[in-house]
Amino acid sequence: MTDKGFPDVLVLGAGPAGMAIASALGKEKLKVDVLSPNGPNEPWPNTYGIWGNEVDQLGLDNLLEYRWKNTVSFFGNGSTKAHDFENKPTEHLLDYGLFDKKKLHSHWLNECNNNLIQWHQGFANKIDFEKHKSTVTTEDGKVILQD
């Protein structure tokens, strides 16, 4: 942890990946700030899916809205003829889950808040790297990270 009160890490973005990263770093006792165009309480516009074995390993299966068994995908142009090779499925023999995005968002927001993540709203406009110092400046001129 830095001794000047600046964060050890600045995560850009507060989607599922950004919040998961921020939470994990916070659990390691690092001082973490997050910069995102949207506030942390704003709902995510997208849906998010995950392979069944991955969600099971993470212990997040309770956050799924739906889980499909033995999924298949279709690639190519397709054909109007039912048994054409272009309509052949690719079998994955894996489950696939669709997250309930409200539950997923709530989960990561709680994890971040439990780890005292600091939130900033805006866009990174400029990032300067030096040997012992990095500076992130937002579009409105606010400096968020120096160390």
N, C-alpha and C. Protein backbone atom coordinates (compact mmCIF):
# COMPACT_ATOMS: atom_id res chain seq x y z
N MET A 1 0.85 -1.18 0.00
CA MET A 1 0.00 0.00 0.00
C MET A 1 0.88 1.23 0.00
N THR A 2 0.51 2.22 -0.76
CA THR A 2 1.27 3.45 -0.81
C THR A 2 1.10 4.22 0.50
N ASP A 3 2.10 5.06 0.85
CA ASP A 3 2.04 5.79 2.10
C ASP A 3 1.52 7.21 1.92
N LYS A 4 1.18 7.63 0.71
CA LYS A 4 0.72 8.99 0.45
C LYS A 4 -0.79 9.08 0.36
N GLY A 5 -1.50 7.99 0.62
CA GLY A 5 -2.94 8.00 0.52
C GLY A 5 -3.47 7.75 -0.88
N PHE A 6 -2.57 7.61 -1.85
CA PHE A 6 -2.99 7.31 -3.20
C PHE A 6 -3.28 5.82 -3.31
N PRO A 7 -4.14 5.43 -4.24
CA PRO A 7 -4.42 4.00 -4.39
C PRO A 7 -3.21 3.24 -4.93
N ASP A 8 -3.17 1.96 -4.57
CA ASP A 8 -2.16 1.06 -5.14
C ASP A 8 -2.52 0.72 -6.57
N VAL A 9 -3.84 0.65 -6.84
CA VAL A 9 -4.34 0.21 -8.15
C VAL A 9 -5.55 1.06 -8.53
N LEU A 10 -5.61 1.42 -9.79
CA LEU A 10 -6.81 2.04 -10.35
C LEU A 10 -7.35 1.10 -11.41
N VAL A 11 -8.57 0.62 -11.22
CA VAL A 11 -9.23 -0.25 -12.19
C VAL A 11 -10.11 0.64 -13.07
N LEU A 12 -9.97 0.49 -14.38
CA LEU A 12 -10.79 1.25 -15.32
C LEU A 12 -11.97 0.39 -15.75
N GLY A 13 -13.17 0.79 -15.35
CA GLY A 13 -14.38 0.07 -15.71
C GLY A 13 -15.00 -0.64 -14.53
N ALA A 14 -16.33 -0.62 -14.44
CA ALA A 14 -17.04 -1.24 -13.34
C ALA A 14 -18.07 -2.25 -13.83
N GLY A 15 -17.71 -2.97 -14.90
CA GLY A 15 -18.52 -4.10 -15.32
C GLY A 15 -18.16 -5.31 -14.48
N PRO A 16 -18.64 -6.49 -14.84
CA PRO A 16 -18.34 -7.69 -14.05
C PRO A 16 -16.84 -7.94 -13.88
N ALA A 17 -16.07 -7.79 -14.96
CA ALA A 17 -14.62 -8.05 -14.86
C ALA A 17 -13.94 -7.01 -13.98
N GLY A 18 -14.27 -5.73 -14.18
CA GLY A 18 -13.67 -4.67 -13.38
C GLY A 18 -13.98 -4.83 -11.90
N MET A 19 -15.23 -5.14 -11.59
CA MET A 19 -15.61 -5.31 -10.19
C MET A 19 -14.97 -6.56 -9.58
N ALA A 20 -14.86 -7.64 -10.35
CA ALA A 20 -14.22 -8.85 -9.84
C ALA A 20 -12.74 -8.60 -9.56
N ILE A 21 -12.08 -7.88 -10.46
CA ILE A 21 -10.66 -7.56 -10.27
C ILE A 21 -10.49 -6.64 -9.06
N ALA A 22 -11.31 -5.60 -8.96
CA ALA A 22 -11.21 -4.68 -7.84
C ALA A 22 -11.43 -5.40 -6.51
N SER A 23 -12.42 -6.28 -6.47
CA SER A 23 -12.71 -7.04 -5.26
C SER A 23 -11.54 -7.94 -4.87
N ALA A 24 -10.99 -8.65 -5.84
CA ALA A 24 -9.87 -9.56 -5.56
C ALA A 24 -8.65 -8.80 -5.05
N LEU A 25 -8.36 -7.65 -5.66
CA LEU A 25 -7.22 -6.85 -5.21
C LEU A 25 -7.47 -6.26 -3.83
N GLY A 26 -8.71 -5.86 -3.56
CA GLY A 26 -9.06 -5.35 -2.23
C GLY A 26 -8.89 -6.42 -1.16
N LYS A 27 -9.23 -7.66 -1.49
CA LYS A 27 -9.04 -8.76 -0.54
C LYS A 27 -7.57 -8.98 -0.21
N GLU A 28 -6.70 -8.55 -1.10
CA GLU A 28 -5.25 -8.67 -0.87
C GLU A 28 -4.71 -7.46 -0.09
N LYS A 29 -5.63 -6.68 0.46
CA LYS A 29 -5.29 -5.51 1.29
C LYS A 29 -4.64 -4.38 0.51
N LEU A 30 -4.89 -4.33 -0.81
CA LEU A 30 -4.43 -3.21 -1.61
C LEU A 30 -5.50 -2.12 -1.57
N LYS A 31 -5.08 -0.88 -1.66
CA LYS A 31 -6.01 0.25 -1.74
C LYS A 31 -6.40 0.38 -3.21
N VAL A 32 -7.67 0.16 -3.52
CA VAL A 32 -8.16 0.09 -4.89
C VAL A 32 -9.20 1.17 -5.15
N ASP A 33 -9.03 1.89 -6.25
CA ASP A 33 -10.02 2.83 -6.75
C ASP A 33 -10.51 2.31 -8.10
N VAL A 34 -11.75 2.65 -8.44
CA VAL A 34 -12.34 2.27 -9.72
C VAL A 34 -12.83 3.54 -10.40
N LEU A 35 -12.48 3.69 -11.67
CA LEU A 35 -12.98 4.78 -12.50
C LEU A 35 -13.87 4.18 -13.58
N SER A 36 -15.10 4.68 -13.66
CA SER A 36 -16.06 4.15 -14.63
C SER A 36 -16.97 5.27 -15.12
N PRO A 37 -17.40 5.19 -16.38
CA PRO A 37 -18.34 6.20 -16.89
C PRO A 37 -19.65 6.21 -16.11
N ASN A 38 -20.03 5.08 -15.55
CA ASN A 38 -21.28 4.95 -14.79
C ASN A 38 -20.96 4.75 -13.32
N GLY A 39 -21.88 5.16 -12.47
CA GLY A 39 -21.72 4.93 -11.05
C GLY A 39 -21.84 3.44 -10.73
N PRO A 40 -21.31 3.01 -9.59
CA PRO A 40 -21.32 1.58 -9.25
C PRO A 40 -22.71 1.01 -9.04
N ASN A 41 -23.69 1.84 -8.73
CA ASN A 41 -25.05 1.34 -8.49
C ASN A 41 -25.90 1.27 -9.75
N GLU A 42 -25.39 1.81 -10.86
CA GLU A 42 -26.16 1.78 -12.10
C GLU A 42 -26.19 0.38 -12.68
N PRO A 43 -27.35 -0.08 -13.15
CA PRO A 43 -27.43 -1.45 -13.69
C PRO A 43 -26.64 -1.60 -14.98
N TRP A 44 -26.17 -2.81 -15.19
CA TRP A 44 -25.43 -3.12 -16.42
C TRP A 44 -26.41 -3.34 -17.57
N PRO A 45 -26.11 -2.85 -18.77
CA PRO A 45 -27.03 -3.00 -19.89
C PRO A 45 -26.95 -4.37 -20.57
N ASN A 46 -25.83 -5.07 -20.41
CA ASN A 46 -25.61 -6.32 -21.15
C ASN A 46 -25.98 -7.54 -20.32
N THR A 47 -26.06 -8.68 -21.00
CA THR A 47 -26.23 -9.96 -20.31
C THR A 47 -24.88 -10.66 -20.31
N TYR A 48 -24.69 -11.58 -19.38
CA TYR A 48 -23.41 -12.26 -19.23
C TYR A 48 -23.64 -13.74 -19.02
N GLY A 49 -22.86 -14.54 -19.75
CA GLY A 49 -22.96 -15.98 -19.65
C GLY A 49 -21.64 -16.59 -19.25
N ILE A 50 -21.68 -17.89 -18.91
CA ILE A 50 -20.49 -18.58 -18.43
C ILE A 50 -20.69 -20.08 -18.60
N TRP A 51 -19.59 -20.78 -18.89
CA TRP A 51 -19.65 -22.24 -18.98
C TRP A 51 -19.96 -22.81 -17.60
N GLY A 52 -20.73 -23.88 -17.58
CA GLY A 52 -21.17 -24.49 -16.33
C GLY A 52 -20.04 -24.89 -15.39
N ASN A 53 -18.98 -25.50 -15.93
CA ASN A 53 -17.89 -25.93 -15.06
C ASN A 53 -17.17 -24.74 -14.44
N GLU A 54 -17.12 -23.61 -15.16
CA GLU A 54 -16.47 -22.41 -14.62
C GLU A 54 -17.29 -21.79 -13.50
N VAL A 55 -18.61 -21.68 -13.69
CA VAL A 55 -19.45 -21.10 -12.65
C VAL A 55 -19.45 -21.99 -11.40
N ASP A 56 -19.37 -23.30 -11.60
CA ASP A 56 -19.31 -24.22 -10.46
C ASP A 56 -18.01 -24.04 -9.68
N GLN A 57 -16.88 -23.92 -10.40
CA GLN A 57 -15.58 -23.72 -9.74
C GLN A 57 -15.56 -22.42 -8.95
N LEU A 58 -16.22 -21.39 -9.47
CA LEU A 58 -16.26 -20.09 -8.80
C LEU A 58 -17.27 -20.06 -7.65
N GLY A 59 -18.14 -21.05 -7.60
CA GLY A 59 -19.17 -21.08 -6.56
C GLY A 59 -20.23 -20.00 -6.74
N LEU A 60 -20.47 -19.62 -8.00
CA LEU A 60 -21.43 -18.55 -8.29
C LEU A 60 -22.69 -19.05 -8.98
N ASP A 61 -22.94 -20.35 -8.94
CA ASP A 61 -24.09 -20.92 -9.64
C ASP A 61 -25.42 -20.38 -9.11
N ASN A 62 -25.43 -19.88 -7.88
CA ASN A 62 -26.65 -19.30 -7.32
C ASN A 62 -27.01 -17.97 -7.98
N LEU A 63 -26.09 -17.42 -8.79
CA LEU A 63 -26.33 -16.15 -9.48
C LEU A 63 -26.87 -16.35 -10.90
N LEU A 64 -27.07 -17.61 -11.30
CA LEU A 64 -27.57 -17.89 -12.64
C LEU A 64 -29.08 -17.69 -12.72
N GLU A 65 -29.50 -17.13 -13.85
CA GLU A 65 -30.94 -17.03 -14.14
C GLU A 65 -31.42 -18.31 -14.80
N TYR A 66 -30.55 -18.88 -15.66
CA TYR A 66 -30.90 -20.10 -16.37
C TYR A 66 -29.63 -20.87 -16.70
N ARG A 67 -29.75 -22.21 -16.76
CA ARG A 67 -28.62 -23.07 -17.11
C ARG A 67 -29.09 -24.11 -18.12
N TRP A 68 -28.40 -24.14 -19.26
CA TRP A 68 -28.71 -25.11 -20.30
C TRP A 68 -27.76 -26.28 -20.21
N LYS A 69 -28.26 -27.46 -20.45
CA LYS A 69 -27.46 -28.69 -20.41
C LYS A 69 -27.03 -29.07 -21.82
N ASN A 70 -25.82 -29.63 -21.96
CA ASN A 70 -25.32 -30.18 -23.23
C ASN A 70 -25.56 -29.24 -24.41
N THR A 71 -24.98 -28.07 -24.35
CA THR A 71 -25.22 -27.04 -25.35
C THR A 71 -24.56 -27.35 -26.69
N VAL A 72 -25.11 -26.72 -27.72
CA VAL A 72 -24.56 -26.81 -29.07
C VAL A 72 -24.50 -25.40 -29.66
N SER A 73 -23.63 -25.22 -30.64
CA SER A 73 -23.55 -23.95 -31.37
C SER A 73 -23.66 -24.26 -32.86
N PHE A 74 -24.07 -23.26 -33.61
CA PHE A 74 -24.16 -23.38 -35.05
C PHE A 74 -23.29 -22.31 -35.68
N PHE A 75 -22.37 -22.72 -36.55
CA PHE A 75 -21.46 -21.81 -37.23
C PHE A 75 -21.69 -21.89 -38.73
N GLY A 76 -21.34 -20.86 -39.44
CA GLY A 76 -21.48 -20.87 -40.89
C GLY A 76 -22.69 -20.09 -41.34
N ASN A 77 -22.98 -20.22 -42.61
CA ASN A 77 -24.05 -19.44 -43.22
C ASN A 77 -25.43 -20.02 -43.01
N GLY A 78 -25.50 -21.31 -42.69
CA GLY A 78 -26.79 -21.96 -42.56
C GLY A 78 -27.39 -22.24 -43.93
N SER A 79 -28.46 -23.00 -43.93
CA SER A 79 -29.11 -23.38 -45.18
C SER A 79 -30.60 -23.53 -44.93
N THR A 80 -31.38 -23.33 -45.96
CA THR A 80 -32.83 -23.54 -45.86
C THR A 80 -33.17 -25.02 -45.91
N LYS A 81 -32.22 -25.87 -46.31
CA LYS A 81 -32.43 -27.32 -46.34
C LYS A 81 -32.10 -27.89 -44.96
N ALA A 82 -33.06 -28.55 -44.35
CA ALA A 82 -32.96 -28.98 -42.96
C ALA A 82 -31.71 -29.80 -42.65
N HIS A 83 -31.31 -30.73 -43.52
CA HIS A 83 -30.20 -31.63 -43.20
C HIS A 83 -28.91 -31.25 -43.92
N ASP A 84 -28.83 -30.04 -44.39
CA ASP A 84 -27.62 -29.55 -45.06
C ASP A 84 -26.46 -29.47 -44.06
N PHE A 85 -25.24 -29.73 -44.54
CA PHE A 85 -24.04 -29.67 -43.71
C PHE A 85 -23.89 -28.30 -43.04
N GLU A 86 -24.34 -27.25 -43.71
CA GLU A 86 -24.23 -25.88 -43.15
C GLU A 86 -25.05 -25.72 -41.87
N ASN A 87 -25.97 -26.63 -41.60
CA ASN A 87 -26.81 -26.57 -40.40
C ASN A 87 -26.32 -27.51 -39.30
N LYS A 88 -25.15 -28.12 -39.50
CA LYS A 88 -24.65 -29.09 -38.53
C LYS A 88 -24.26 -28.39 -37.22
N PRO A 89 -24.76 -28.91 -36.09
CA PRO A 89 -24.40 -28.30 -34.81
C PRO A 89 -23.00 -28.72 -34.36
N THR A 90 -22.36 -27.85 -33.62
CA THR A 90 -21.11 -28.18 -32.93
C THR A 90 -21.49 -28.47 -31.48
N GLU A 91 -21.31 -29.73 -31.08
CA GLU A 91 -21.68 -30.14 -29.72
C GLU A 91 -20.56 -29.80 -28.76
N HIS A 92 -20.92 -29.15 -27.65
CA HIS A 92 -19.94 -28.80 -26.64
C HIS A 92 -19.90 -29.81 -25.49
N LEU A 93 -21.00 -30.52 -25.29
CA LEU A 93 -21.14 -31.45 -24.18
C LEU A 93 -20.87 -30.77 -22.85
N LEU A 94 -21.19 -29.49 -22.78
CA LEU A 94 -21.01 -28.68 -21.58
C LEU A 94 -22.30 -27.93 -21.28
N ASP A 95 -22.48 -27.62 -20.01
CA ASP A 95 -23.58 -26.74 -19.62
C ASP A 95 -23.15 -25.30 -19.86
N TYR A 96 -24.12 -24.44 -20.08
CA TYR A 96 -23.86 -23.02 -20.23
C TYR A 96 -24.90 -22.27 -19.41
N GLY A 97 -24.45 -21.27 -18.67
CA GLY A 97 -25.36 -20.53 -17.82
C GLY A 97 -25.48 -19.08 -18.20
N LEU A 98 -26.65 -18.51 -17.98
CA LEU A 98 -26.91 -17.10 -18.17
C LEU A 98 -27.09 -16.49 -16.78
N PHE A 99 -26.23 -15.50 -16.47
CA PHE A 99 -26.35 -14.85 -15.17
C PHE A 99 -27.61 -14.00 -15.09
N ASP A 100 -28.19 -13.97 -13.91
CA ASP A 100 -29.18 -12.95 -13.58
C ASP A 100 -28.35 -11.70 -13.32
N LYS A 101 -28.38 -10.74 -14.23
CA LYS A 101 -27.43 -9.63 -14.15
C LYS A 101 -27.64 -8.76 -12.92
N LYS A 102 -28.85 -8.71 -12.38
CA LYS A 102 -29.07 -7.95 -11.14
C LYS A 102 -28.39 -8.64 -9.96
N LYS A 103 -28.51 -9.96 -9.90
CA LYS A 103 -27.85 -10.71 -8.82
C LYS A 103 -26.34 -10.63 -8.96
N LEU A 104 -25.84 -10.75 -10.19
CA LEU A 104 -24.40 -10.68 -10.43
C LEU A 104 -23.86 -9.31 -10.04
N HIS A 105 -24.55 -8.26 -10.47
CA HIS A 105 -24.14 -6.90 -10.13
C HIS A 105 -24.13 -6.71 -8.62
N SER A 106 -25.18 -7.13 -7.96
CA SER A 106 -25.28 -6.98 -6.51
C SER A 106 -24.15 -7.74 -5.80
N HIS A 107 -23.85 -8.93 -6.29
CA HIS A 107 -22.77 -9.73 -5.70
C HIS A 107 -21.44 -8.99 -5.76
N TRP A 108 -21.06 -8.51 -6.95
CA TRP A 108 -19.75 -7.85 -7.09
C TRP A 108 -19.74 -6.50 -6.40
N LEU A 109 -20.85 -5.78 -6.39
CA LEU A 109 -20.90 -4.50 -5.69
C LEU A 109 -20.71 -4.72 -4.18
N ASN A 110 -21.37 -5.72 -3.62
CA ASN A 110 -21.19 -6.03 -2.20
C ASN A 110 -19.75 -6.43 -1.89
N GLU A 111 -19.16 -7.25 -2.76
CA GLU A 111 -17.76 -7.66 -2.56
C GLU A 111 -16.84 -6.44 -2.58
N CYS A 112 -17.06 -5.54 -3.52
CA CYS A 112 -16.23 -4.34 -3.62
C CYS A 112 -16.42 -3.45 -2.39
N ASN A 113 -17.67 -3.25 -1.99
CA ASN A 113 -17.93 -2.40 -0.84
C ASN A 113 -17.35 -3.00 0.45
N ASN A 114 -17.36 -4.33 0.56
CA ASN A 114 -16.76 -4.99 1.72
C ASN A 114 -15.26 -4.77 1.77
N ASN A 115 -14.66 -4.53 0.61
CA ASN A 115 -13.21 -4.32 0.53
C ASN A 115 -12.84 -2.84 0.38
N LEU A 116 -13.80 -1.96 0.71
CA LEU A 116 -13.57 -0.52 0.78
C LEU A 116 -13.04 0.08 -0.53
N ILE A 117 -13.58 -0.39 -1.64
CA ILE A 117 -13.20 0.16 -2.94
C ILE A 117 -13.73 1.59 -3.04
N GLN A 118 -12.91 2.48 -3.58
CA GLN A 118 -13.31 3.87 -3.78
C GLN A 118 -13.77 4.03 -5.24
N TRP A 119 -14.87 4.74 -5.45
CA TRP A 119 -15.47 4.88 -6.77
C TRP A 119 -15.30 6.30 -7.30
N HIS A 120 -14.99 6.39 -8.58
CA HIS A 120 -14.90 7.67 -9.28
C HIS A 120 -15.68 7.52 -10.59
N GLN A 121 -16.45 8.54 -10.92
CA GLN A 121 -17.23 8.49 -12.15
C GLN A 121 -16.58 9.40 -13.18
N GLY A 122 -16.40 8.88 -14.39
CA GLY A 122 -15.83 9.66 -15.48
C GLY A 122 -15.05 8.78 -16.44
N PHE A 123 -14.36 9.43 -17.34
CA PHE A 123 -13.56 8.75 -18.35
C PHE A 123 -12.09 9.11 -18.16
N ALA A 124 -11.21 8.13 -18.32
CA ALA A 124 -9.77 8.41 -18.32
C ALA A 124 -9.44 9.11 -19.63
N ASN A 125 -8.80 10.24 -19.54
CA ASN A 125 -8.44 11.01 -20.72
C ASN A 125 -6.96 10.89 -21.04
N LYS A 126 -6.14 10.78 -19.99
CA LYS A 126 -4.70 10.77 -20.19
C LYS A 126 -4.05 9.92 -19.10
N ILE A 127 -3.11 9.09 -19.51
CA ILE A 127 -2.35 8.27 -18.58
C ILE A 127 -0.87 8.53 -18.84
N ASP A 128 -0.17 8.98 -17.81
CA ASP A 128 1.26 9.24 -17.90
C ASP A 128 2.01 8.24 -17.03
N PHE A 129 3.04 7.62 -17.60
CA PHE A 129 3.87 6.66 -16.88
C PHE A 129 5.27 7.22 -16.74
N GLU A 130 5.78 7.17 -15.53
CA GLU A 130 7.17 7.52 -15.26
C GLU A 130 7.77 6.39 -14.44
N LYS A 131 9.04 6.48 -14.13
CA LYS A 131 9.73 5.39 -13.44
C LYS A 131 9.07 5.04 -12.10
N HIS A 132 8.76 6.03 -11.30
CA HIS A 132 8.19 5.77 -9.97
C HIS A 132 6.84 6.44 -9.77
N LYS A 133 6.18 6.78 -10.85
CA LYS A 133 4.92 7.50 -10.72
C LYS A 133 4.06 7.29 -11.96
N SER A 134 2.77 7.09 -11.73
CA SER A 134 1.80 7.03 -12.82
C SER A 134 0.69 8.01 -12.48
N THR A 135 0.16 8.67 -13.47
CA THR A 135 -0.90 9.64 -13.25
C THR A 135 -2.01 9.40 -14.27
N VAL A 136 -3.24 9.33 -13.77
CA VAL A 136 -4.42 9.21 -14.62
C VAL A 136 -5.22 10.49 -14.45
N THR A 137 -5.52 11.13 -15.56
CA THR A 137 -6.31 12.36 -15.54
C THR A 137 -7.61 12.09 -16.28
N THR A 138 -8.72 12.51 -15.67
CA THR A 138 -10.03 12.31 -16.29
C THR A 138 -10.29 13.41 -17.31
N GLU A 139 -11.36 13.22 -18.08
CA GLU A 139 -11.76 14.22 -19.07
C GLU A 139 -11.99 15.60 -18.45
N ASP A 140 -12.47 15.61 -17.20
CA ASP A 140 -12.73 16.90 -16.55
C ASP A 140 -11.53 17.43 -15.76
N GLY A 141 -10.36 16.80 -15.94
CA GLY A 141 -9.13 17.30 -15.36
C GLY A 141 -8.79 16.80 -13.97
N LYS A 142 -9.59 15.92 -13.41
CA LYS A 142 -9.32 15.39 -12.07
C LYS A 142 -8.20 14.35 -12.15
N VAL A 143 -7.22 14.46 -11.25
CA VAL A 143 -6.14 13.48 -11.17
C VAL A 143 -6.54 12.44 -10.14
N ILE A 144 -6.58 11.19 -10.57
CA ILE A 144 -7.06 10.13 -9.68
C ILE A 144 -5.92 9.29 -9.11
N LEU A 145 -4.88 9.02 -9.89
CA LEU A 145 -3.86 8.09 -9.41
C LEU A 145 -2.49 8.69 -9.57
N GLN A 146 -1.77 8.72 -8.49
CA GLN A 146 -0.35 9.06 -8.48
C GLN A 146 0.28 8.19 -7.40
N ASP A 147 1.48 7.71 -7.65
CA ASP A 147 2.21 7.07 -6.55
C ASP A 147 3.68 7.05 -6.83
